[in-house]
Amino acid sequence: MALALRPNCEYCDKDLPPAARDAMICSYECTFCADCVETKLHNVCPNCGGGFTQRPIRPATEWRPGLSVAKRPASDKRVHLTKSLEDIAVHSARIKDIPPGER
């Protein structure tokens, strides 16, 4: 199953097209822009508490049959936060100093 490649930052709603180099994801595919991950979330996913990594870019060219962004398009479903900004700030502050691999 391919990554959904969600189209936006869940925090600031910035557009993150499939080739966005500043798209970050957690292991559950929660998607945020690099600026929000660094300055607002402090590398703490507000949903699961995990860390983030750069989202891979799906090839635009179909190098192998059926495998490209044209054949397996990105999601068009925008996702938004379910917690308040205050709750997220408290959550991030509580665990930001614990390395993601130890959370």
N, C-alpha and C. Protein backbone atom coordinates (compact mmCIF):
# COMPACT_ATOMS: atom_id res chain seq x y z
N MET A 1 0.84 -1.18 0.00
CA MET A 1 0.00 0.00 0.00
C MET A 1 0.89 1.24 0.00
N ALA A 2 0.60 2.15 -0.87
CA ALA A 2 1.41 3.37 -1.02
C ALA A 2 1.03 4.42 0.02
N LEU A 3 1.98 5.31 0.32
CA LEU A 3 1.68 6.43 1.20
C LEU A 3 0.56 7.27 0.60
N ALA A 4 -0.24 7.85 1.45
CA ALA A 4 -1.36 8.68 0.98
C ALA A 4 -0.89 9.98 0.34
N LEU A 5 0.26 10.49 0.76
CA LEU A 5 0.77 11.79 0.30
C LEU A 5 -0.31 12.85 0.50
N ARG A 6 -0.63 13.08 1.75
CA ARG A 6 -1.67 14.06 2.11
C ARG A 6 -1.30 15.44 1.58
N PRO A 7 -2.30 16.23 1.19
CA PRO A 7 -2.05 17.47 0.45
C PRO A 7 -1.75 18.72 1.26
N ASN A 8 -1.73 18.60 2.59
CA ASN A 8 -1.58 19.83 3.39
C ASN A 8 -0.93 19.57 4.73
N CYS A 9 -0.43 20.65 5.32
CA CYS A 9 0.08 20.61 6.69
C CYS A 9 -1.14 20.61 7.61
N GLU A 10 -1.19 19.67 8.51
CA GLU A 10 -2.32 19.58 9.43
C GLU A 10 -2.36 20.74 10.42
N TYR A 11 -1.25 21.42 10.61
CA TYR A 11 -1.19 22.53 11.57
C TYR A 11 -1.57 23.86 10.92
N CYS A 12 -0.85 24.25 9.87
CA CYS A 12 -1.07 25.58 9.26
C CYS A 12 -1.84 25.53 7.95
N ASP A 13 -2.16 24.35 7.46
CA ASP A 13 -2.92 24.12 6.23
C ASP A 13 -2.15 24.51 4.96
N LYS A 14 -0.84 24.65 5.05
CA LYS A 14 -0.02 24.94 3.86
C LYS A 14 -0.18 23.80 2.87
N ASP A 15 -0.28 24.13 1.59
CA ASP A 15 -0.32 23.11 0.55
C ASP A 15 1.01 22.36 0.51
N LEU A 16 0.94 21.03 0.45
CA LEU A 16 2.12 20.18 0.34
C LEU A 16 1.90 19.21 -0.82
N PRO A 17 2.15 19.67 -2.04
CA PRO A 17 1.95 18.80 -3.20
C PRO A 17 2.87 17.59 -3.15
N PRO A 18 2.64 16.58 -3.98
CA PRO A 18 3.42 15.35 -3.92
C PRO A 18 4.94 15.54 -3.96
N ALA A 19 5.42 16.56 -4.65
CA ALA A 19 6.87 16.78 -4.76
C ALA A 19 7.41 17.78 -3.73
N ALA A 20 6.62 18.13 -2.73
CA ALA A 20 7.06 19.10 -1.72
C ALA A 20 8.24 18.54 -0.93
N ARG A 21 9.32 19.29 -0.90
CA ARG A 21 10.52 18.86 -0.18
C ARG A 21 10.44 19.19 1.31
N ASP A 22 9.46 20.00 1.68
CA ASP A 22 9.33 20.37 3.10
C ASP A 22 8.20 19.63 3.80
N ALA A 23 7.68 18.56 3.17
CA ALA A 23 6.64 17.75 3.80
C ALA A 23 7.28 16.75 4.75
N MET A 24 6.77 16.70 5.96
CA MET A 24 7.28 15.79 6.99
C MET A 24 6.14 14.86 7.42
N ILE A 25 6.48 13.61 7.73
CA ILE A 25 5.47 12.65 8.18
C ILE A 25 5.97 11.90 9.41
N CYS A 26 5.00 11.43 10.22
CA CYS A 26 5.33 10.51 11.30
C CYS A 26 5.04 9.09 10.78
N SER A 27 5.20 8.10 11.62
CA SER A 27 5.00 6.72 11.17
C SER A 27 3.54 6.41 10.84
N TYR A 28 2.61 7.28 11.25
CA TYR A 28 1.20 7.10 10.92
C TYR A 28 0.77 7.97 9.75
N GLU A 29 1.73 8.60 9.07
CA GLU A 29 1.51 9.47 7.93
C GLU A 29 0.87 10.81 8.30
N CYS A 30 0.85 11.17 9.57
CA CYS A 30 0.42 12.52 9.93
C CYS A 30 1.38 13.44 9.19
N THR A 31 0.86 14.48 8.57
CA THR A 31 1.66 15.28 7.65
C THR A 31 1.68 16.74 8.07
N PHE A 32 2.90 17.29 8.13
CA PHE A 32 3.10 18.67 8.53
C PHE A 32 4.22 19.26 7.69
N CYS A 33 4.26 20.58 7.59
CA CYS A 33 5.37 21.23 6.90
C CYS A 33 6.57 21.29 7.84
N ALA A 34 7.76 21.37 7.27
CA ALA A 34 8.99 21.38 8.07
C ALA A 34 9.01 22.54 9.06
N ASP A 35 8.47 23.70 8.66
CA ASP A 35 8.47 24.85 9.56
C ASP A 35 7.64 24.57 10.82
N CYS A 36 6.45 24.01 10.66
CA CYS A 36 5.62 23.70 11.83
C CYS A 36 6.26 22.61 12.69
N VAL A 37 6.86 21.60 12.06
CA VAL A 37 7.53 20.53 12.81
C VAL A 37 8.63 21.12 13.69
N GLU A 38 9.39 22.06 13.13
CA GLU A 38 10.51 22.63 13.86
C GLU A 38 10.08 23.68 14.89
N THR A 39 9.23 24.63 14.48
CA THR A 39 8.95 25.78 15.34
C THR A 39 7.72 25.64 16.23
N LYS A 40 6.77 24.83 15.83
CA LYS A 40 5.53 24.69 16.61
C LYS A 40 5.46 23.37 17.36
N LEU A 41 5.89 22.29 16.69
CA LEU A 41 5.71 20.95 17.25
C LEU A 41 6.98 20.39 17.90
N HIS A 42 8.12 20.98 17.61
CA HIS A 42 9.40 20.56 18.20
C HIS A 42 9.67 19.07 17.98
N ASN A 43 9.36 18.62 16.75
CA ASN A 43 9.56 17.22 16.33
C ASN A 43 8.75 16.23 17.16
N VAL A 44 7.58 16.67 17.63
CA VAL A 44 6.67 15.79 18.36
C VAL A 44 5.34 15.76 17.60
N CYS A 45 4.95 14.60 17.10
CA CYS A 45 3.66 14.51 16.42
C CYS A 45 2.56 14.77 17.44
N PRO A 46 1.66 15.72 17.16
CA PRO A 46 0.60 16.03 18.12
C PRO A 46 -0.44 14.93 18.24
N ASN A 47 -0.42 13.99 17.32
CA ASN A 47 -1.39 12.90 17.34
C ASN A 47 -0.86 11.67 18.07
N CYS A 48 0.37 11.25 17.74
CA CYS A 48 0.89 10.00 18.33
C CYS A 48 2.07 10.19 19.26
N GLY A 49 2.73 11.36 19.21
CA GLY A 49 3.88 11.59 20.07
C GLY A 49 5.20 11.16 19.45
N GLY A 50 5.16 10.59 18.26
CA GLY A 50 6.38 10.17 17.59
C GLY A 50 7.11 11.34 16.96
N GLY A 51 8.23 11.04 16.34
CA GLY A 51 9.01 12.05 15.63
C GLY A 51 8.63 12.07 14.16
N PHE A 52 9.33 12.91 13.41
CA PHE A 52 9.05 13.08 11.99
C PHE A 52 10.26 12.78 11.14
N THR A 53 9.99 12.46 9.88
CA THR A 53 11.01 12.31 8.86
C THR A 53 10.49 12.96 7.59
N GLN A 54 11.41 13.28 6.67
CA GLN A 54 10.98 13.89 5.42
C GLN A 54 10.14 12.89 4.63
N ARG A 55 9.02 13.37 4.10
CA ARG A 55 8.16 12.50 3.30
C ARG A 55 8.85 12.20 1.97
N PRO A 56 8.88 10.95 1.55
CA PRO A 56 9.48 10.63 0.25
C PRO A 56 8.68 11.25 -0.89
N ILE A 57 9.35 11.46 -1.99
CA ILE A 57 8.69 12.01 -3.18
C ILE A 57 8.43 10.87 -4.15
N ARG A 58 7.17 10.72 -4.52
CA ARG A 58 6.78 9.67 -5.47
C ARG A 58 7.23 10.09 -6.86
N PRO A 59 7.86 9.19 -7.61
CA PRO A 59 8.34 9.55 -8.94
C PRO A 59 7.22 10.04 -9.86
N ALA A 60 7.53 11.07 -10.63
CA ALA A 60 6.58 11.59 -11.62
C ALA A 60 6.64 10.73 -12.88
N THR A 61 7.81 10.15 -13.13
CA THR A 61 8.01 9.30 -14.31
C THR A 61 7.69 7.86 -13.95
N GLU A 62 7.00 7.20 -14.82
CA GLU A 62 6.64 5.79 -14.61
C GLU A 62 7.81 4.91 -15.03
N TRP A 63 8.80 4.77 -14.14
CA TRP A 63 9.99 3.97 -14.43
C TRP A 63 9.67 2.48 -14.46
N ARG A 64 8.68 2.08 -13.69
CA ARG A 64 8.20 0.70 -13.67
C ARG A 64 6.69 0.77 -13.92
N PRO A 65 6.12 -0.21 -14.61
CA PRO A 65 4.70 -0.15 -14.94
C PRO A 65 3.81 0.07 -13.71
N GLY A 66 2.97 1.11 -13.79
CA GLY A 66 1.99 1.39 -12.75
C GLY A 66 2.51 2.13 -11.53
N LEU A 67 3.79 2.47 -11.51
CA LEU A 67 4.38 3.09 -10.33
C LEU A 67 4.86 4.50 -10.63
N SER A 68 3.99 5.45 -10.40
CA SER A 68 4.30 6.87 -10.54
C SER A 68 3.17 7.65 -9.90
N VAL A 69 3.40 8.93 -9.69
CA VAL A 69 2.35 9.76 -9.10
C VAL A 69 1.14 9.86 -10.06
N ALA A 70 1.36 9.71 -11.35
CA ALA A 70 0.25 9.73 -12.30
C ALA A 70 -0.61 8.47 -12.17
N LYS A 71 0.03 7.33 -11.93
CA LYS A 71 -0.69 6.06 -11.81
C LYS A 71 -1.23 5.82 -10.39
N ARG A 72 -0.53 6.35 -9.40
CA ARG A 72 -0.96 6.24 -7.99
C ARG A 72 -0.93 7.64 -7.40
N PRO A 73 -1.97 8.40 -7.70
CA PRO A 73 -1.98 9.82 -7.30
C PRO A 73 -2.04 10.03 -5.80
N ALA A 74 -1.61 11.22 -5.42
CA ALA A 74 -1.65 11.63 -4.03
C ALA A 74 -3.10 11.82 -3.59
N SER A 75 -3.31 11.77 -2.30
CA SER A 75 -4.64 12.01 -1.73
C SER A 75 -5.04 13.47 -1.95
N ASP A 76 -6.32 13.71 -2.11
CA ASP A 76 -6.81 15.09 -2.18
C ASP A 76 -7.62 15.44 -0.93
N LYS A 77 -7.62 14.53 0.06
CA LYS A 77 -8.36 14.74 1.30
C LYS A 77 -7.50 15.54 2.29
N ARG A 78 -7.91 16.74 2.57
CA ARG A 78 -7.19 17.59 3.51
C ARG A 78 -7.48 17.12 4.93
N VAL A 79 -6.44 17.10 5.76
CA VAL A 79 -6.54 16.64 7.14
C VAL A 79 -6.18 17.81 8.05
N HIS A 80 -6.90 17.96 9.15
CA HIS A 80 -6.67 19.06 10.08
C HIS A 80 -6.55 18.51 11.50
N LEU A 81 -5.96 19.30 12.35
CA LEU A 81 -5.77 18.92 13.75
C LEU A 81 -7.09 18.60 14.44
N THR A 82 -7.04 17.67 15.37
CA THR A 82 -8.23 17.35 16.17
C THR A 82 -8.08 17.86 17.60
N LYS A 83 -6.88 18.30 17.95
CA LYS A 83 -6.61 18.84 19.29
C LYS A 83 -6.46 20.35 19.21
N SER A 84 -6.64 21.02 20.32
CA SER A 84 -6.48 22.48 20.35
C SER A 84 -4.99 22.83 20.29
N LEU A 85 -4.69 24.05 19.86
CA LEU A 85 -3.30 24.49 19.81
C LEU A 85 -2.67 24.50 21.19
N GLU A 86 -3.45 24.82 22.21
CA GLU A 86 -2.96 24.81 23.58
C GLU A 86 -2.61 23.40 24.02
N ASP A 87 -3.47 22.44 23.72
CA ASP A 87 -3.21 21.04 24.06
C ASP A 87 -1.95 20.55 23.35
N ILE A 88 -1.79 20.91 22.10
CA ILE A 88 -0.62 20.49 21.32
C ILE A 88 0.65 21.07 21.92
N ALA A 89 0.62 22.34 22.32
CA ALA A 89 1.80 22.98 22.91
C ALA A 89 2.21 22.27 24.19
N VAL A 90 1.26 21.93 25.04
CA VAL A 90 1.55 21.22 26.28
C VAL A 90 2.12 19.84 25.99
N HIS A 91 1.50 19.14 25.06
CA HIS A 91 1.93 17.79 24.67
C HIS A 91 3.37 17.82 24.15
N SER A 92 3.67 18.75 23.24
CA SER A 92 5.01 18.85 22.67
C SER A 92 6.04 19.20 23.74
N ALA A 93 5.71 20.16 24.59
CA ALA A 93 6.65 20.58 25.64
C ALA A 93 6.96 19.44 26.60
N ARG A 94 5.98 18.59 26.85
CA ARG A 94 6.15 17.49 27.80
C ARG A 94 7.16 16.45 27.33
N ILE A 95 7.24 16.21 26.02
CA ILE A 95 8.08 15.10 25.56
C ILE A 95 9.13 15.50 24.52
N LYS A 96 9.25 16.79 24.20
CA LYS A 96 10.17 17.20 23.13
C LYS A 96 11.63 16.88 23.42
N ASP A 97 12.03 16.78 24.67
CA ASP A 97 13.42 16.49 25.01
C ASP A 97 13.74 15.00 25.06
N ILE A 98 12.75 14.16 24.84
CA ILE A 98 12.96 12.71 24.76
C ILE A 98 13.17 12.37 23.30
N PRO A 99 14.30 11.77 22.93
CA PRO A 99 14.52 11.42 21.52
C PRO A 99 13.38 10.54 21.00
N PRO A 100 12.97 10.73 19.72
CA PRO A 100 11.87 9.97 19.18
C PRO A 100 12.00 8.46 19.36
N GLY A 101 13.21 7.93 19.25
CA GLY A 101 13.41 6.48 19.41
C GLY A 101 13.20 5.98 20.83
N GLU A 102 13.11 6.89 21.79
CA GLU A 102 12.91 6.51 23.19
C GLU A 102 11.53 6.87 23.71
N ARG A 103 10.69 7.41 22.84
CA ARG A 103 9.33 7.78 23.27
C ARG A 103 8.49 6.55 23.31
